[in-house]
Amino acid sequence: MVPVEIELLPSGTLFKKGESLAVVVKGNEIIKGNSTPLPNMKTRYEHEDTVNRGNHLVYTGGGYDSHLIIPVIE
């Protein structure tokens, strides 16, 4: 078991009083669009082949230091 940081892309969301936030962790390629400005440019932000395959478990709470940092603007 090793500590990891999971990067979340920035976004702007307004939550009203009583609403909640759920975080789902999964991998996915980011699609840039259907056209490429340069001939050798990939149409996705693709990852190279990796040996890091299989099931990955994310432990939270209890004896595991886990947190999500979000800014609060009032």
Protein backbone atom coordinates (compact mmCIF):
# COMPACT_ATOMS: atom_id res chain seq x y z
CA MET A 1 0.00 0.00 0.00
CA VAL A 2 1.40 3.40 -1.00
CA PRO A 3 0.05 6.96 -0.67
CA VAL A 4 -1.09 8.63 -3.90
CA GLU A 5 -2.45 11.97 -5.00
CA ILE A 6 -5.31 11.87 -7.51
CA GLU A 7 -5.45 14.94 -9.73
CA LEU A 8 -8.84 16.46 -10.44
CA LEU A 9 -9.23 18.91 -13.30
CA PRO A 10 -10.45 22.36 -12.20
CA SER A 11 -14.13 23.17 -12.61
CA GLY A 12 -16.60 25.71 -11.35
CA THR A 13 -19.78 24.51 -9.67
CA LEU A 14 -22.24 26.37 -7.50
CA PHE A 15 -23.75 24.26 -4.72
CA LYS A 16 -26.91 25.39 -2.99
CA LYS A 17 -27.49 24.87 0.72
CA GLY A 18 -28.23 21.20 1.45
CA GLU A 19 -26.67 19.87 -1.78
CA SER A 20 -23.79 17.42 -1.58
CA LEU A 21 -20.75 16.37 -3.57
CA ALA A 22 -19.82 12.77 -4.47
CA VAL A 23 -16.37 11.87 -5.80
CA VAL A 24 -15.98 8.90 -8.15
CA VAL A 25 -12.41 7.86 -9.01
CA LYS A 26 -11.88 6.24 -12.40
CA GLY A 27 -9.48 6.47 -15.31
CA ASN A 28 -10.36 7.91 -18.70
CA GLU A 29 -8.66 9.46 -21.70
CA ILE A 30 -9.46 13.12 -22.35
CA ILE A 31 -10.82 13.75 -25.84
CA LYS A 32 -9.76 17.10 -27.33
CA GLY A 33 -12.08 17.05 -30.29
CA ASN A 34 -12.52 15.64 -33.77
CA SER A 35 -9.86 17.71 -35.55
CA THR A 36 -6.13 18.09 -35.02
CA PRO A 37 -4.29 21.33 -35.79
CA LEU A 38 -1.00 19.52 -36.53
CA PRO A 39 -0.61 16.31 -38.56
CA ASN A 40 1.38 14.44 -35.87
CA MET A 41 -0.80 15.56 -32.97
CA LYS A 42 -2.94 13.00 -31.16
CA THR A 43 -6.68 13.64 -30.95
CA ARG A 44 -6.67 12.61 -27.29
CA TYR A 45 -4.43 13.11 -24.31
CA GLU A 46 -3.44 9.45 -24.42
CA HIS A 47 -1.35 7.59 -21.88
CA GLU A 48 1.52 5.43 -23.01
CA ASP A 49 1.35 1.69 -22.27
CA THR A 50 1.92 1.00 -18.60
CA VAL A 51 2.61 -2.00 -16.39
CA ASN A 52 0.29 -0.49 -13.77
CA ARG A 53 -2.72 -2.67 -14.58
CA GLY A 54 -5.39 -4.49 -12.61
CA ASN A 55 -7.62 -3.48 -9.74
CA HIS A 56 -6.59 -0.53 -7.60
CA LEU A 57 -8.14 0.04 -4.18
CA VAL A 58 -8.51 3.50 -2.64
CA TYR A 59 -8.70 3.33 1.16
CA THR A 60 -10.42 6.19 3.01
CA GLY A 61 -11.34 7.09 6.57
CA GLY A 62 -10.40 5.41 9.82
CA GLY A 63 -6.65 4.81 9.90
CA TYR A 64 -6.15 6.21 6.40
CA ASP A 65 -5.35 9.88 5.92
CA SER A 66 -7.73 10.82 3.11
CA HIS A 67 -9.13 14.22 2.26
CA LEU A 68 -10.56 16.36 -0.52
CA ILE A 69 -9.64 20.04 -0.55
CA ILE A 70 -12.19 22.38 -2.14
CA PRO A 71 -12.36 26.17 -1.90
CA VAL A 72 -15.42 27.76 -0.33
CA ILE A 73 -16.39 31.19 -1.64
CA GLU A 74 -19.03 33.09 0.30
